[in-house]
């Protein structure tokens, strides 16, 4: 996201955002992770951090996470929260590594148990795998209010892409996970186990009910038609120009979304991502030889 685009978005706004937001784009997974901080207290939250993963070699790397750590330390920030907007199917989370390095409570929406109960049988998780979200330090409830320093934050449950998706409203900005994308790319898929197109539509309406000038931060961007990567939009722009929503009824949206989902391939990293992310970023238990393994369910997904 260029400063030119960001400054353009802020022109004419009634109230300049109080939070400082830094985005970290991972081109391998098209993911944007964020550090949102209070300039007064230096307290911060990290949203949707990435753990690099080489699927061919089965090796992880902390390059993306180390960039976030460097930014936090260089700016004298104090990490209070590490928040997942949902259980990602396209990248692994680096939450445990970040928490160990710079602190912060791992957190996710309270409906995480629905995702764990769906995927634990698919991957035949170990008998003692907890399906109540206790792998995370904190489970957010819908409309829960909390603070990042002096910043006022609120959790909005926005299911559809997954049953446990949340958006994070901080004053007049909102981190919306995989609910919406930039207007020229549309909306999130709903064909994963537990996804629901009608629920996604309802969640989108909840986001679009926010004031028009609310700044929306995307979790991904795919730069359609060769444009530069961008990940900041507004409620007004999404309402007026989103290619899956503008001028369409609920029924038309559902038909469009379902038809599009039927043609999509599964994300390349869904198998390792879900197994690890449903454990709050911890690897599956090591086996008798001291090695942790990712399971591949044959003909299941």
C-alpha atoms as a PDB file:
ATOM      1  CA  UNK A   1       0.000   0.000   0.000  1.00  0.00           C
ATOM      2  CA  UNK A   2       1.546   3.260  -1.110  1.00  0.00           C
ATOM      3  CA  UNK A   3       1.514   6.421   0.978  1.00  0.00           C
ATOM      4  CA  UNK A   4      -0.178   8.144  -1.972  1.00  0.00           C
ATOM      5  CA  UNK A   5      -3.150   5.794  -1.828  1.00  0.00           C
ATOM      6  CA  UNK A   6      -3.366   5.940   1.945  1.00  0.00           C
ATOM      7  CA  UNK A   7      -3.243   9.736   2.002  1.00  0.00           C
ATOM      8  CA  UNK A   8      -5.927   9.831  -0.679  1.00  0.00           C
ATOM      9  CA  UNK A   9      -8.182   7.688   1.491  1.00  0.00           C
ATOM     10  CA  UNK A  10      -7.737   9.962   4.482  1.00  0.00           C
ATOM     11  CA  UNK A  11      -8.643  13.173   2.657  1.00  0.00           C
ATOM     12  CA  UNK A  12     -11.966  14.577   3.742  1.00  0.00           C
ATOM     13  CA  UNK A  13     -12.457  12.159   6.626  1.00  0.00           C
ATOM     14  CA  UNK A  14     -14.226  13.601   9.627  1.00  0.00           C
ATOM     15  CA  UNK A  15     -11.707  12.102  12.014  1.00  0.00           C
ATOM     16  CA  UNK A  16      -8.176  10.956  11.263  1.00  0.00           C
ATOM     17  CA  UNK A  17      -7.516   7.466  12.659  1.00  0.00           C
ATOM     18  CA  UNK A  18      -5.951   7.483  16.117  1.00  0.00           C
ATOM     19  CA  UNK A  19      -4.132   4.219  15.523  1.00  0.00           C
ATOM     20  CA  UNK A  20      -0.862   3.740  13.694  1.00  0.00           C
ATOM     21  CA  UNK A  21      -1.122   0.835  11.253  1.00  0.00           C
ATOM     22  CA  UNK A  22       1.772  -0.922   9.545  1.00  0.00           C
ATOM     23  CA  UNK A  23       1.060  -3.604   6.960  1.00  0.00           C
ATOM     24  CA  UNK A  24       3.431  -6.459   6.081  1.00  0.00           C
ATOM     25  CA  UNK A  25       2.671  -8.094   2.733  1.00  0.00           C
ATOM     26  CA  UNK A  26       3.714 -11.702   2.118  1.00  0.00           C
ATOM     27  CA  UNK A  27       3.850 -12.284  -1.661  1.00  0.00           C
ATOM     28  CA  UNK A  28       4.077 -16.068  -1.268  1.00  0.00           C
ATOM     29  CA  UNK A  29       0.560 -16.261   0.226  1.00  0.00           C
ATOM     30  CA  UNK A  30      -0.776 -12.814  -0.734  1.00  0.00           C
ATOM     31  CA  UNK A  31      -1.383 -12.191   2.964  1.00  0.00           C
ATOM     32  CA  UNK A  32      -1.227  -8.863   4.762  1.00  0.00           C
ATOM     33  CA  UNK A  33      -0.300  -8.960   8.456  1.00  0.00           C
ATOM     34  CA  UNK A  34      -0.707  -5.842  10.558  1.00  0.00           C
ATOM     35  CA  UNK A  35       0.774  -4.135  13.570  1.00  0.00           C
ATOM     36  CA  UNK A  36      -1.733  -1.640  14.955  1.00  0.00           C
ATOM     37  CA  UNK A  37      -0.404   0.564  17.725  1.00  0.00           C
ATOM     38  CA  UNK A  38      -1.404   3.399  20.023  1.00  0.00           C
ATOM     39  CA  UNK A  39       1.069   6.266  19.488  1.00  0.00           C
ATOM     40  CA  UNK A  40       0.469   7.552  23.025  1.00  0.00           C
ATOM     41  CA  UNK A  41       1.188   4.409  25.050  1.00  0.00           C
ATOM     42  CA  UNK A  42       3.153   2.394  22.440  1.00  0.00           C
ATOM     43  CA  UNK A  43       0.917  -0.601  23.122  1.00  0.00           C
ATOM     44  CA  UNK A  44       0.182  -2.683  20.014  1.00  0.00           C
ATOM     45  CA  UNK A  45      -1.634  -5.673  18.576  1.00  0.00           C
ATOM     46  CA  UNK A  46      -0.444  -7.941  15.784  1.00  0.00           C
ATOM     47  CA  UNK A  47      -3.100  -9.252  13.414  1.00  0.00           C
ATOM     48  CA  UNK A  48      -2.807 -12.384  11.236  1.00  0.00           C
ATOM     49  CA  UNK A  49       0.983 -12.957  11.341  1.00  0.00           C
ATOM     50  CA  UNK A  50       2.582 -15.350   8.852  1.00  0.00           C
ATOM     51  CA  UNK A  51       4.978 -18.246   9.419  1.00  0.00           C
ATOM     52  CA  UNK A  52       6.753 -18.984   6.135  1.00  0.00           C
ATOM     53  CA  UNK A  53       6.406 -22.576   4.940  1.00  0.00           C
ATOM     54  CA  UNK A  54       8.100 -24.441   2.118  1.00  0.00           C
ATOM     55  CA  UNK A  55       5.602 -27.158   1.204  1.00  0.00           C
ATOM     56  CA  UNK A  56       8.091 -29.073  -0.944  1.00  0.00           C
ATOM     57  CA  UNK A  57      10.714 -29.350   1.784  1.00  0.00           C
ATOM     58  CA  UNK A  58       8.295 -29.348   4.723  1.00  0.00           C
ATOM     59  CA  UNK A  59      10.331 -26.585   6.368  1.00  0.00           C
ATOM     60  CA  UNK A  60       9.251 -23.444   8.179  1.00  0.00           C
ATOM     61  CA  UNK A  61      11.009 -20.091   8.210  1.00  0.00           C
ATOM     62  CA  UNK A  62      10.601 -17.042  10.435  1.00  0.00           C
ATOM     63  CA  UNK A  63      11.580 -14.337   7.934  1.00  0.00           C
ATOM     64  CA  UNK A  64       8.132 -12.751   7.799  1.00  0.00           C
ATOM     65  CA  UNK A  65       7.703 -12.880  11.565  1.00  0.00           C
ATOM     66  CA  UNK A  66      11.177 -11.427  12.132  1.00  0.00           C
ATOM     67  CA  UNK A  67      10.218  -8.360  10.073  1.00  0.00           C
ATOM     68  CA  UNK A  68       7.339  -7.753  12.465  1.00  0.00           C
ATOM     69  CA  UNK A  69       9.577  -8.279  15.489  1.00  0.00           C
ATOM     70  CA  UNK A  70      12.126  -5.799  14.119  1.00  0.00           C
ATOM     71  CA  UNK A  71       9.404  -3.191  13.534  1.00  0.00           C
ATOM     72  CA  UNK A  72       8.008  -3.639  17.049  1.00  0.00           C
ATOM     73  CA  UNK A  73      11.423  -3.344  18.689  1.00  0.00           C
ATOM     74  CA  UNK A  74      12.661  -0.465  16.523  1.00  0.00           C
ATOM     75  CA  UNK A  75       9.573   1.564  17.375  1.00  0.00           C
ATOM     76  CA  UNK A  76       9.620   0.748  21.079  1.00  0.00           C
ATOM     77  CA  UNK A  77       6.230  -0.965  20.934  1.00  0.00           C
ATOM     78  CA  UNK A  78       4.756  -3.219  23.611  1.00  0.00           C
ATOM     79  CA  UNK A  79       2.808  -6.156  22.211  1.00  0.00           C
ATOM     80  CA  UNK A  80      -0.421  -6.859  24.101  1.00  0.00           C
ATOM     81  CA  UNK A  81      -2.347  -8.971  21.596  1.00  0.00           C
ATOM     82  CA  UNK A  82      -1.738 -11.377  18.733  1.00  0.00           C
ATOM     83  CA  UNK A  83      -5.107 -11.737  17.012  1.00  0.00           C
ATOM     84  CA  UNK A  84      -6.218 -14.206  14.356  1.00  0.00           C
ATOM     85  CA  UNK A  85      -9.237 -13.122  12.332  1.00  0.00           C
ATOM     86  CA  UNK A  86      -9.935 -16.821  11.639  1.00  0.00           C
ATOM     87  CA  UNK A  87      -8.282 -20.214  11.128  1.00  0.00           C
ATOM     88  CA  UNK A  88      -6.433 -19.499   7.893  1.00  0.00           C
ATOM     89  CA  UNK A  89      -6.293 -22.064   5.115  1.00  0.00           C
ATOM     90  CA  UNK A  90      -3.604 -20.374   3.023  1.00  0.00           C
ATOM     91  CA  UNK A  91      -0.812 -19.659   5.490  1.00  0.00           C
ATOM     92  CA  UNK A  92       0.549 -20.817   8.818  1.00  0.00           C
ATOM     93  CA  UNK A  93       0.457 -18.468  11.791  1.00  0.00           C
ATOM     94  CA  UNK A  94       3.621 -17.392  13.596  1.00  0.00           C
ATOM     95  CA  UNK A  95       1.721 -16.507  16.766  1.00  0.00           C
ATOM     96  CA  UNK A  96       3.669 -18.762  19.195  1.00  0.00           C
ATOM     97  CA  UNK A  97       7.021 -17.507  17.928  1.00  0.00           C
ATOM     98  CA  UNK A  98       5.949 -13.878  18.176  1.00  0.00           C
ATOM     99  CA  UNK A  99       4.489 -14.326  21.645  1.00  0.00           C
ATOM    100  CA  UNK A 100       7.704 -15.932  22.879  1.00  0.00           C
ATOM    101  CA  UNK A 101       9.822 -13.195  21.291  1.00  0.00           C
ATOM    102  CA  UNK A 102       7.879 -10.008  22.091  1.00  0.00           C
ATOM    103  CA  UNK A 103       4.902 -11.050  24.221  1.00  0.00           C
ATOM    104  CA  UNK A 104       1.201 -10.740  23.463  1.00  0.00           C
ATOM    105  CA  UNK A 105      -1.805 -12.942  24.171  1.00  0.00           C
ATOM    106  CA  UNK A 106      -2.850 -15.264  21.357  1.00  0.00           C
ATOM    107  CA  UNK A 107      -6.529 -14.728  20.589  1.00  0.00           C
ATOM    108  CA  UNK A 108      -9.306 -15.631  18.173  1.00  0.00           C
ATOM    109  CA  UNK A 109     -13.099 -15.614  17.951  1.00  0.00           C
ATOM    110  CA  UNK A 110     -14.993 -17.768  20.423  1.00  0.00           C
ATOM    111  CA  UNK A 111     -16.524 -19.920  17.683  1.00  0.00           C
ATOM    112  CA  UNK A 112     -13.142 -21.527  17.079  1.00  0.00           C
ATOM    113  CA  UNK A 113     -14.598 -24.681  18.641  1.00  0.00           C
ATOM    114  CA  UNK A 114     -16.843 -25.071  15.580  1.00  0.00           C
ATOM    115  CA  UNK A 115     -13.789 -25.142  13.313  1.00  0.00           C
ATOM    116  CA  UNK A 116     -11.870 -27.500  15.576  1.00  0.00           C
ATOM    117  CA  UNK A 117     -14.818 -29.893  15.791  1.00  0.00           C
ATOM    118  CA  UNK A 118     -15.078 -29.869  11.995  1.00  0.00           C
ATOM    119  CA  UNK A 119     -11.420 -30.427  11.171  1.00  0.00           C
ATOM    120  CA  UNK A 120     -10.240 -32.615  14.045  1.00  0.00           C
ATOM    121  CA  UNK A 121     -12.030 -35.671  12.574  1.00  0.00           C
ATOM    122  CA  UNK A 122     -10.860 -34.847   9.037  1.00  0.00           C
ATOM    123  CA  UNK A 123      -7.228 -34.939  10.190  1.00  0.00           C
ATOM    124  CA  UNK A 124      -7.849 -37.638  12.814  1.00  0.00           C
ATOM    125  CA  UNK A 125      -6.316 -35.416  15.482  1.00  0.00           C
ATOM    126  CA  UNK A 126      -4.775 -37.005  18.545  1.00  0.00           C
ATOM    127  CA  UNK A 127      -7.223 -38.210  21.230  1.00  0.00           C
ATOM    128  CA  UNK A 128      -6.272 -35.448  23.661  1.00  0.00           C
ATOM    129  CA  UNK A 129      -6.650 -32.643  21.115  1.00  0.00           C
ATOM    130  CA  UNK A 130      -8.864 -30.036  22.798  1.00  0.00           C
ATOM    131  CA  UNK A 131     -11.761 -28.816  20.672  1.00  0.00           C
ATOM    132  CA  UNK A 132     -12.731 -25.907  22.922  1.00  0.00           C
ATOM    133  CA  UNK A 133     -10.191 -23.276  21.823  1.00  0.00           C
ATOM    134  CA  UNK A 134      -8.068 -23.590  24.953  1.00  0.00           C
ATOM    135  CA  UNK A 135      -4.904 -23.595  22.817  1.00  0.00           C
ATOM    136  CA  UNK A 136      -5.411 -19.800  22.639  1.00  0.00           C
ATOM    137  CA  UNK A 137      -4.855 -17.402  25.524  1.00  0.00           C
ATOM    138  CA  UNK A 138      -8.126 -15.557  24.909  1.00  0.00           C
ATOM    139  CA  UNK A 139     -11.357 -16.258  23.036  1.00  0.00           C
ATOM    140  CA  UNK A 140     -13.280 -13.155  21.985  1.00  0.00           C
ATOM    141  CA  UNK A 141     -17.051 -12.962  22.227  1.00  0.00           C
ATOM    142  CA  UNK A 142     -19.245 -11.062  19.799  1.00  0.00           C
ATOM    143  CA  UNK A 143     -19.326  -7.315  20.536  1.00  0.00           C
ATOM    144  CA  UNK A 144     -16.571  -7.731  23.124  1.00  0.00           C
ATOM    145  CA  UNK A 145     -14.809  -4.444  23.832  1.00  0.00           C
ATOM    146  CA  UNK A 146     -11.149  -4.220  24.768  1.00  0.00           C
ATOM    147  CA  UNK A 147      -8.266  -1.777  24.584  1.00  0.00           C
ATOM    148  CA  UNK A 148      -4.918  -1.514  22.858  1.00  0.00           C
ATOM    149  CA  UNK A 149      -3.342   1.117  25.030  1.00  0.00           C
ATOM    150  CA  UNK A 150      -5.748   4.044  24.764  1.00  0.00           C
ATOM    151  CA  UNK A 151      -7.343   2.714  21.589  1.00  0.00           C
ATOM    152  CA  UNK A 152     -10.915   1.448  21.893  1.00  0.00           C
ATOM    153  CA  UNK A 153     -11.473  -1.852  20.090  1.00  0.00           C
ATOM    154  CA  UNK A 154     -14.504  -4.045  19.494  1.00  0.00           C
ATOM    155  CA  UNK A 155     -14.932  -7.550  18.079  1.00  0.00           C
ATOM    156  CA  UNK A 156     -17.562  -8.233  15.429  1.00  0.00           C
ATOM    157  CA  UNK A 157     -18.429 -11.830  14.610  1.00  0.00           C
ATOM    158  CA  UNK A 158     -18.441 -12.044  10.796  1.00  0.00           C
ATOM    159  CA  UNK A 159     -18.839 -15.743   9.892  1.00  0.00           C
ATOM    160  CA  UNK A 160     -19.342 -17.160   6.425  1.00  0.00           C
ATOM    161  CA  UNK A 161     -15.858 -17.794   5.080  1.00  0.00           C
ATOM    162  CA  UNK A 162     -15.453 -19.892   8.235  1.00  0.00           C
ATOM    163  CA  UNK A 163     -17.780 -20.184  11.254  1.00  0.00           C
ATOM    164  CA  UNK A 164     -15.249 -18.443  13.486  1.00  0.00           C
ATOM    165  CA  UNK A 165     -14.352 -15.342  11.459  1.00  0.00           C
ATOM    166  CA  UNK A 166     -14.128 -12.031  13.278  1.00  0.00           C
ATOM    167  CA  UNK A 167     -13.529  -8.423  12.324  1.00  0.00           C
ATOM    168  CA  UNK A 168     -11.741  -5.993  14.614  1.00  0.00           C
ATOM    169  CA  UNK A 169     -13.142  -2.458  14.844  1.00  0.00           C
ATOM    170  CA  UNK A 170     -10.706   0.069  16.313  1.00  0.00           C
ATOM    171  CA  UNK A 171     -12.243   3.535  16.431  1.00  0.00           C
ATOM    172  CA  UNK A 172     -12.874   4.321  12.726  1.00  0.00           C
ATOM    173  CA  UNK A 173     -10.835   1.510  11.160  1.00  0.00           C
ATOM    174  CA  UNK A 174     -11.738  -2.160  10.787  1.00  0.00           C
ATOM    175  CA  UNK A 175      -9.645  -5.250  10.069  1.00  0.00           C
ATOM    176  CA  UNK A 176     -12.013  -7.547   8.198  1.00  0.00           C
ATOM    177  CA  UNK A 177     -10.002 -10.726   7.624  1.00  0.00           C
ATOM    178  CA  UNK A 178     -11.242 -12.755   4.643  1.00  0.00           C
ATOM    179  CA  UNK A 179     -14.765 -11.322   4.570  1.00  0.00           C
ATOM    180  CA  UNK A 180     -14.252  -8.731   1.823  1.00  0.00           C
ATOM    181  CA  UNK A 181     -11.436  -8.007  -0.598  1.00  0.00           C
ATOM    182  CA  UNK A 182     -10.634  -4.897  -2.577  1.00  0.00           C
ATOM    183  CA  UNK A 183     -13.690  -3.855  -4.637  1.00  0.00           C
ATOM    184  CA  UNK A 184     -12.240  -5.126  -7.921  1.00  0.00           C
ATOM    185  CA  UNK A 185     -11.724  -8.632  -6.482  1.00  0.00           C
ATOM    186  CA  UNK A 186     -14.956  -9.139  -4.584  1.00  0.00           C
ATOM    187  CA  UNK A 187     -15.637 -11.294  -1.561  1.00  0.00           C
ATOM    188  CA  UNK A 188     -14.381 -14.374   0.280  1.00  0.00           C
ATOM    189  CA  UNK A 189     -15.065 -17.977  -0.701  1.00  0.00           C
ATOM    190  CA  UNK A 190     -17.437 -20.066   1.408  1.00  0.00           C
ATOM    191  CA  UNK A 191     -16.787 -23.607   0.209  1.00  0.00           C
ATOM    192  CA  UNK A 192     -14.502 -24.804   3.004  1.00  0.00           C
ATOM    193  CA  UNK A 193     -16.048 -27.187   5.565  1.00  0.00           C
ATOM    194  CA  UNK A 194     -18.255 -25.036   7.795  1.00  0.00           C
ATOM    195  CA  UNK A 195     -18.455 -22.138   5.330  1.00  0.00           C
ATOM    196  CA  UNK A 196     -21.848 -20.610   4.530  1.00  0.00           C
ATOM    197  CA  UNK A 197     -22.699 -18.169   1.742  1.00  0.00           C
ATOM    198  CA  UNK A 198     -25.781 -16.731   3.424  1.00  0.00           C
ATOM    199  CA  UNK A 199     -23.852 -16.160   6.640  1.00  0.00           C
ATOM    200  CA  UNK A 200     -21.145 -14.366   4.655  1.00  0.00           C
ATOM    201  CA  UNK A 201     -23.722 -12.056   3.098  1.00  0.00           C
ATOM    202  CA  UNK A 202     -25.118 -11.210   6.535  1.00  0.00           C
ATOM    203  CA  UNK A 203     -21.602 -10.551   7.850  1.00  0.00           C
ATOM    204  CA  UNK A 204     -20.822  -8.283   4.917  1.00  0.00           C
ATOM    205  CA  UNK A 205     -23.969  -6.298   5.643  1.00  0.00           C
ATOM    206  CA  UNK A 206     -22.778  -5.857   9.215  1.00  0.00           C
ATOM    207  CA  UNK A 207     -19.510  -4.400   7.968  1.00  0.00           C
ATOM    208  CA  UNK A 208     -21.229  -2.199   5.380  1.00  0.00           C
ATOM    209  CA  UNK A 209     -23.511  -0.821   8.102  1.00  0.00           C
ATOM    210  CA  UNK A 210     -20.486   0.943   9.599  1.00  0.00           C
ATOM    211  CA  UNK A 211     -20.059   4.631   8.696  1.00  0.00           C
ATOM    212  CA  UNK A 212     -19.112   5.195   5.047  1.00  0.00           C
ATOM    213  CA  UNK A 213     -15.740   6.669   5.976  1.00  0.00           C
ATOM    214  CA  UNK A 214     -14.673   3.619   7.999  1.00  0.00           C
ATOM    215  CA  UNK A 215     -11.308   2.403   6.699  1.00  0.00           C
ATOM    216  CA  UNK A 216     -11.227  -1.316   5.918  1.00  0.00           C
ATOM    217  CA  UNK A 217      -8.010  -3.339   6.038  1.00  0.00           C
ATOM    218  CA  UNK A 218      -7.945  -6.523   3.945  1.00  0.00           C
ATOM    219  CA  UNK A 219      -6.186  -9.754   4.906  1.00  0.00           C
ATOM    220  CA  UNK A 220      -5.295 -10.553   1.281  1.00  0.00           C
ATOM    221  CA  UNK A 221      -4.887  -8.969  -2.122  1.00  0.00           C
ATOM    222  CA  UNK A 222      -4.296 -10.679  -5.457  1.00  0.00           C
ATOM    223  CA  UNK A 223      -3.712  -7.642  -7.711  1.00  0.00           C
ATOM    224  CA  UNK A 224      -6.242  -8.507 -10.448  1.00  0.00           C
ATOM    225  CA  UNK A 225      -5.626  -7.256 -13.989  1.00  0.00           C
ATOM    226  CA  UNK A 226      -2.017  -6.449 -13.184  1.00  0.00           C
ATOM    227  CA  UNK A 227      -2.607  -3.518 -10.845  1.00  0.00           C
ATOM    228  CA  UNK A 228      -0.351  -2.836  -7.862  1.00  0.00           C
ATOM    229  CA  UNK A 229      -1.072  -4.691  -4.628  1.00  0.00           C
ATOM    230  CA  UNK A 230      -3.493  -2.761  -2.418  1.00  0.00           C
ATOM    231  CA  UNK A 231      -5.158  -3.613   0.870  1.00  0.00           C
ATOM    232  CA  UNK A 232      -6.973  -0.527   2.149  1.00  0.00           C
ATOM    233  CA  UNK A 233     -10.528   0.316   1.178  1.00  0.00           C
ATOM    234  CA  UNK A 234     -13.539   2.041   2.755  1.00  0.00           C
ATOM    235  CA  UNK A 235     -17.120   1.061   3.505  1.00  0.00           C
ATOM    236  CA  UNK A 236     -18.275   3.567   0.902  1.00  0.00           C
ATOM    237  CA  UNK A 237     -16.044   2.122  -1.818  1.00  0.00           C
ATOM    238  CA  UNK A 238     -17.122  -1.442  -1.066  1.00  0.00           C
ATOM    239  CA  UNK A 239     -20.805  -0.559  -1.098  1.00  0.00           C
ATOM    240  CA  UNK A 240     -20.584   1.345  -4.348  1.00  0.00           C
ATOM    241  CA  UNK A 241     -18.067  -0.633  -6.413  1.00  0.00           C
ATOM    242  CA  UNK A 242     -17.465  -4.157  -5.058  1.00  0.00           C
ATOM    243  CA  UNK A 243     -17.959  -6.404  -8.080  1.00  0.00           C
ATOM    244  CA  UNK A 244     -19.803  -9.085  -6.089  1.00  0.00           C
ATOM    245  CA  UNK A 245     -22.099  -6.714  -4.203  1.00  0.00           C
ATOM    246  CA  UNK A 246     -22.848  -3.417  -5.930  1.00  0.00           C
ATOM    247  CA  UNK A 247     -26.339  -3.449  -7.446  1.00  0.00           C
ATOM    248  CA  UNK A 248     -26.989  -7.081  -6.487  1.00  0.00           C
ATOM    249  CA  UNK A 249     -29.684  -8.581  -4.309  1.00  0.00           C
ATOM    250  CA  UNK A 250     -28.936 -11.127  -1.610  1.00  0.00           C
ATOM    251  CA  UNK A 251     -30.159 -13.920  -3.883  1.00  0.00           C
ATOM    252  CA  UNK A 252     -27.989 -12.724  -6.760  1.00  0.00           C
ATOM    253  CA  UNK A 253     -24.957 -12.553  -4.499  1.00  0.00           C
ATOM    254  CA  UNK A 254     -25.521 -16.089  -3.198  1.00  0.00           C
ATOM    255  CA  UNK A 255     -25.857 -17.494  -6.711  1.00  0.00           C
ATOM    256  CA  UNK A 256     -22.734 -15.661  -7.873  1.00  0.00           C
ATOM    257  CA  UNK A 257     -20.677 -16.723  -4.852  1.00  0.00           C
ATOM    258  CA  UNK A 258     -21.707 -20.363  -5.026  1.00  0.00           C
ATOM    259  CA  UNK A 259     -21.053 -20.557  -8.775  1.00  0.00           C
ATOM    260  CA  UNK A 260     -17.616 -19.019  -8.323  1.00  0.00           C
ATOM    261  CA  UNK A 261     -16.731 -21.289  -5.401  1.00  0.00           C
ATOM    262  CA  UNK A 262     -17.606 -24.367  -7.431  1.00  0.00           C
ATOM    263  CA  UNK A 263     -14.781 -23.537  -9.840  1.00  0.00           C
ATOM    264  CA  UNK A 264     -12.056 -22.768  -7.283  1.00  0.00           C
ATOM    265  CA  UNK A 265      -9.203 -25.073  -6.360  1.00  0.00           C
ATOM    266  CA  UNK A 266      -8.332 -25.618  -2.719  1.00  0.00           C
ATOM    267  CA  UNK A 267      -5.555 -23.352  -1.372  1.00  0.00           C
ATOM    268  CA  UNK A 268      -2.126 -24.903  -1.819  1.00  0.00           C
ATOM    269  CA  UNK A 269      -1.357 -24.782   1.897  1.00  0.00           C
ATOM    270  CA  UNK A 270      -4.758 -25.741   3.326  1.00  0.00           C
ATOM    271  CA  UNK A 271      -3.561 -29.103   4.680  1.00  0.00           C
ATOM    272  CA  UNK A 272      -0.621 -27.842   6.767  1.00  0.00           C
ATOM    273  CA  UNK A 273      -2.263 -24.507   7.550  1.00  0.00           C
ATOM    274  CA  UNK A 274      -5.463 -25.789   9.131  1.00  0.00           C
ATOM    275  CA  UNK A 275      -3.725 -28.544  11.112  1.00  0.00           C
ATOM    276  CA  UNK A 276      -1.320 -26.066  12.659  1.00  0.00           C
ATOM    277  CA  UNK A 277      -3.586 -23.029  12.943  1.00  0.00           C
ATOM    278  CA  UNK A 278      -6.327 -24.945  14.749  1.00  0.00           C
ATOM    279  CA  UNK A 279      -3.625 -25.595  17.361  1.00  0.00           C
ATOM    280  CA  UNK A 280      -2.987 -21.834  17.702  1.00  0.00           C
ATOM    281  CA  UNK A 281       0.170 -22.202  15.615  1.00  0.00           C
ATOM    282  CA  UNK A 282       1.698 -25.073  17.556  1.00  0.00           C
ATOM    283  CA  UNK A 283       2.946 -28.069  15.600  1.00  0.00           C
ATOM    284  CA  UNK A 284       1.256 -31.464  15.982  1.00  0.00           C
ATOM    285  CA  UNK A 285       2.716 -33.544  18.831  1.00  0.00           C
ATOM    286  CA  UNK A 286       6.078 -35.087  18.065  1.00  0.00           C
ATOM    287  CA  UNK A 287       6.090 -38.816  17.486  1.00  0.00           C
ATOM    288  CA  UNK A 288       8.370 -41.480  18.940  1.00  0.00           C
ATOM    289  CA  UNK A 289      11.268 -40.363  16.734  1.00  0.00           C
ATOM    290  CA  UNK A 290      11.019 -36.756  17.952  1.00  0.00           C
ATOM    291  CA  UNK A 291       9.583 -35.431  14.681  1.00  0.00           C
ATOM    292  CA  UNK A 292       6.241 -33.664  14.142  1.00  0.00           C
ATOM    293  CA  UNK A 293       4.208 -34.711  11.098  1.00  0.00           C
ATOM    294  CA  UNK A 294       1.499 -33.181   8.904  1.00  0.00           C
ATOM    295  CA  UNK A 295      -1.226 -35.626   7.882  1.00  0.00           C
ATOM    296  CA  UNK A 296      -2.680 -35.730   4.370  1.00  0.00           C
ATOM    297  CA  UNK A 297      -6.232 -37.108   4.306  1.00  0.00           C
ATOM    298  CA  UNK A 298      -6.610 -39.038   1.058  1.00  0.00           C
ATOM    299  CA  UNK A 299      -9.765 -38.269  -0.987  1.00  0.00           C
ATOM    300  CA  UNK A 300     -11.316 -36.330   1.902  1.00  0.00           C
ATOM    301  CA  UNK A 301     -11.052 -32.595   1.182  1.00  0.00           C
END
